[in-house]
């Protein structure tokens, strides 16, 4: 049975979209699924309307990445998340640098959204996913999937992308969006446990 592969990229915005590189992935691997974490304040309406296709899912990654989201109330967080729906965004949120505060989690819980945090900052919500914090390919010998994650602006992006392509050619994985792997939380004390990881 083919192993699963989860591919995601951070900091997708107009001018940092790696369009040619993404197109090369779509062309060679027509079934690939890529989760793009989007900085919406750096995108035009037209760009966002055209960003989604059968190979991608768009997830909110803050408005402008400077840290303003750290001061959002629960209602402000909800408003930003709901506003993204007009562009076909997935019902999820990944906080830049995994900097979370309680209003973000409560907003996602109340909306039924999932959060994506790093395994090194294991904040959870009613629905969550803990992604690899390491750029490039992460292999999990004891899990049914492997994971590839990167930032579009990295100098090593193209080199690592070629390594991803070669890995796919050799292993022929089944592709999964992050939304297809989201975990429903069974821990009753997760809100208390999150306190140790919230950004001070």
Protein backbone atom coordinates (compact mmCIF):
# COMPACT_ATOMS: atom_id res chain seq x y z
CA UNK A 1 0.00 0.00 0.00
CA UNK A 2 1.31 3.44 -0.93
CA UNK A 3 2.27 5.73 1.90
CA UNK A 4 0.59 9.09 2.22
CA UNK A 5 2.37 12.39 1.62
CA UNK A 6 1.25 15.73 3.04
CA UNK A 7 2.69 18.78 1.27
CA UNK A 8 2.33 22.32 2.62
CA UNK A 9 3.92 25.71 2.04
CA UNK A 10 3.96 28.76 4.30
CA UNK A 11 3.79 32.47 3.46
CA UNK A 12 1.92 32.36 0.18
CA UNK A 13 1.11 35.84 -1.07
CA UNK A 14 1.13 37.85 -4.27
CA UNK A 15 4.76 38.34 -5.23
CA UNK A 16 5.79 35.30 -3.18
CA UNK A 17 3.69 32.68 -4.92
CA UNK A 18 6.26 30.55 -6.78
CA UNK A 19 3.78 30.15 -9.62
CA UNK A 20 6.19 28.49 -12.06
CA UNK A 21 7.41 26.03 -9.46
CA UNK A 22 3.87 25.09 -8.44
CA UNK A 23 2.84 24.67 -12.06
CA UNK A 24 5.74 22.25 -12.56
CA UNK A 25 4.41 20.14 -9.68
CA UNK A 26 0.86 20.14 -11.06
CA UNK A 27 2.11 19.14 -14.51
CA UNK A 28 4.29 16.24 -13.40
CA UNK A 29 2.04 15.06 -10.57
CA UNK A 30 -1.59 15.79 -11.58
CA UNK A 31 -2.97 14.27 -8.36
CA UNK A 32 -0.76 16.23 -5.97
CA UNK A 33 -2.48 18.01 -3.07
CA UNK A 34 -0.86 21.10 -1.56
CA UNK A 35 -1.97 23.10 1.46
CA UNK A 36 -1.03 26.78 1.07
CA UNK A 37 -0.92 29.00 4.16
CA UNK A 38 -1.85 32.45 2.92
CA UNK A 39 -1.00 35.98 4.10
CA UNK A 40 -4.20 37.63 2.88
CA UNK A 41 -3.24 41.27 3.48
CA UNK A 42 -0.48 40.97 0.86
CA UNK A 43 -2.85 39.70 -1.83
CA UNK A 44 -5.22 41.42 -4.20
CA UNK A 45 -8.79 40.24 -4.59
CA UNK A 46 -8.01 38.99 -8.09
CA UNK A 47 -5.00 36.99 -6.92
CA UNK A 48 -7.01 35.27 -4.19
CA UNK A 49 -9.87 34.47 -6.57
CA UNK A 50 -7.43 32.63 -8.84
CA UNK A 51 -5.26 30.98 -6.19
CA UNK A 52 -7.46 27.97 -5.51
CA UNK A 53 -7.53 25.00 -7.87
CA UNK A 54 -8.02 21.24 -7.68
CA UNK A 55 -4.48 20.74 -6.40
CA UNK A 56 -4.57 23.33 -3.62
CA UNK A 57 -6.37 24.26 -0.46
CA UNK A 58 -5.97 27.74 1.02
CA UNK A 59 -5.68 28.30 4.76
CA UNK A 60 -5.46 31.60 6.59
CA UNK A 61 -1.97 32.37 7.95
CA UNK A 62 -2.73 35.88 9.29
CA UNK A 63 -3.39 39.18 7.58
CA UNK A 64 0.11 40.62 7.28
CA UNK A 65 2.50 38.45 9.36
CA UNK A 66 3.88 41.30 11.48
CA UNK A 67 2.34 40.16 14.75
CA UNK A 68 -0.92 42.11 14.76
CA UNK A 69 -2.89 38.84 15.05
CA UNK A 70 -1.47 38.45 18.56
CA UNK A 71 -3.73 41.27 19.71
CA UNK A 72 -6.92 40.01 18.05
CA UNK A 73 -9.92 39.37 20.24
CA UNK A 74 -11.95 36.25 19.72
CA UNK A 75 -14.47 38.18 17.63
CA UNK A 76 -11.77 39.84 15.50
CA UNK A 77 -10.22 36.43 14.83
CA UNK A 78 -13.60 35.08 13.81
CA UNK A 79 -14.21 37.99 11.46
CA UNK A 80 -10.89 37.48 9.64
CA UNK A 81 -11.47 33.75 9.33
CA UNK A 82 -15.01 34.14 8.04
CA UNK A 83 -13.98 36.84 5.57
CA UNK A 84 -11.68 34.33 3.85
CA UNK A 85 -14.62 32.13 2.94
CA UNK A 86 -15.45 34.35 -0.03
CA UNK A 87 -12.22 33.10 -1.66
CA UNK A 88 -12.91 29.44 -0.93
CA UNK A 89 -10.55 29.08 2.01
CA UNK A 90 -10.44 25.92 4.08
CA UNK A 91 -11.89 26.19 7.58
CA UNK A 92 -8.52 26.30 9.30
CA UNK A 93 -5.90 28.64 10.76
CA UNK A 94 -2.13 28.40 11.15
CA UNK A 95 -0.65 31.11 13.32
CA UNK A 96 2.74 32.41 12.07
CA UNK A 97 5.64 30.97 14.07
CA UNK A 98 3.04 29.00 16.07
CA UNK A 99 2.37 32.05 18.22
CA UNK A 100 -1.04 31.34 19.71
CA UNK A 101 -3.22 33.06 22.24
CA UNK A 102 -6.41 31.88 23.86
CA UNK A 103 -8.79 34.02 21.73
CA UNK A 104 -7.50 32.30 18.56
CA UNK A 105 -8.30 28.85 19.89
CA UNK A 106 -11.70 29.85 21.23
CA UNK A 107 -12.59 31.48 17.90
CA UNK A 108 -11.66 28.34 15.97
CA UNK A 109 -13.49 26.09 18.43
CA UNK A 110 -16.67 28.13 18.18
CA UNK A 111 -16.55 28.25 14.39
CA UNK A 112 -15.69 24.58 14.05
CA UNK A 113 -12.34 25.43 12.43
CA UNK A 114 -9.17 23.39 12.84
CA UNK A 115 -5.79 24.79 13.80
CA UNK A 116 -2.36 23.80 12.54
CA UNK A 117 0.47 24.12 15.02
CA UNK A 118 3.98 22.70 15.13
CA UNK A 119 4.86 19.51 16.96
CA UNK A 120 7.31 21.61 19.00
CA UNK A 121 4.47 23.94 20.09
CA UNK A 122 1.69 21.38 20.58
CA UNK A 123 -1.24 23.74 21.03
CA UNK A 124 -4.51 21.96 20.30
CA UNK A 125 -8.16 22.82 19.74
CA UNK A 126 -11.32 20.80 19.21
CA UNK A 127 -9.87 20.05 15.77
CA UNK A 128 -6.14 20.27 15.13
CA UNK A 129 -3.09 19.07 13.24
CA UNK A 130 0.51 19.08 14.47
CA UNK A 131 2.79 19.60 11.52
CA UNK A 132 6.51 19.05 11.23
CA UNK A 133 8.41 22.25 12.10
CA UNK A 134 11.33 21.21 9.88
CA UNK A 135 11.69 22.46 6.33
CA UNK A 136 11.99 19.83 3.67
CA UNK A 137 10.97 16.19 3.89
CA UNK A 138 10.17 14.56 7.22
CA UNK A 139 9.80 10.78 7.21
CA UNK A 140 7.78 9.09 9.94
CA UNK A 141 8.68 5.39 10.20
CA UNK A 142 5.89 4.69 12.68
CA UNK A 143 3.11 6.58 10.87
CA UNK A 144 1.19 6.01 7.65
CA UNK A 145 2.38 9.28 6.15
CA UNK A 146 5.41 11.45 5.46
CA UNK A 147 5.39 15.22 5.31
CA UNK A 148 6.96 17.96 3.20
CA UNK A 149 6.92 21.57 4.38
CA UNK A 150 8.71 24.74 3.28
CA UNK A 151 8.57 28.52 3.04
CA UNK A 152 8.33 30.02 -0.45
CA UNK A 153 10.92 32.71 0.25
CA UNK A 154 13.77 30.42 1.31
CA UNK A 155 16.93 30.46 -0.81
CA UNK A 156 17.01 26.66 -0.71
CA UNK A 157 13.41 26.35 -1.91
CA UNK A 158 14.16 25.22 -5.48
CA UNK A 159 16.81 22.74 -4.40
CA UNK A 160 14.49 21.17 -1.82
CA UNK A 161 11.66 21.12 -4.37
CA UNK A 162 13.76 18.99 -6.71
CA UNK A 163 14.37 16.62 -3.80
CA UNK A 164 10.61 16.45 -3.24
CA UNK A 165 10.01 15.63 -6.91
CA UNK A 166 12.57 12.83 -6.81
CA UNK A 167 11.02 11.43 -3.64
CA UNK A 168 7.58 11.38 -5.28
CA UNK A 169 8.95 9.69 -8.41
CA UNK A 170 10.58 6.98 -6.32
CA UNK A 171 7.80 6.35 -3.80
CA UNK A 172 4.58 7.20 -5.71
CA UNK A 173 2.67 8.25 -2.59
CA UNK A 174 -1.01 8.95 -2.08
CA UNK A 175 -1.44 12.71 -1.57
CA UNK A 176 -3.46 14.18 1.29
CA UNK A 177 -4.50 17.72 2.18
CA UNK A 178 -3.91 18.65 5.82
CA UNK A 179 -7.69 18.95 6.23
CA UNK A 180 -7.95 15.23 5.46
CA UNK A 181 -5.67 14.41 8.41
CA UNK A 182 -7.13 16.74 11.04
CA UNK A 183 -7.58 15.17 14.47
CA UNK A 184 -10.69 15.55 16.60
CA UNK A 185 -9.51 16.22 20.14
CA UNK A 186 -10.45 13.68 22.80
CA UNK A 187 -8.50 15.40 25.59
CA UNK A 188 -10.91 17.13 27.98
CA UNK A 189 -8.13 19.25 29.52
CA UNK A 190 -6.61 20.62 26.32
CA UNK A 191 -7.47 24.24 27.18
CA UNK A 192 -5.49 23.97 30.42
CA UNK A 193 -2.60 22.24 28.67
CA UNK A 194 -2.44 24.99 26.05
CA UNK A 195 -1.60 27.59 28.71
CA UNK A 196 2.01 26.43 28.79
CA UNK A 197 2.44 27.20 25.08
CA UNK A 198 0.54 30.45 24.57
CA UNK A 199 2.64 33.40 23.44
CA UNK A 200 3.37 35.69 26.38
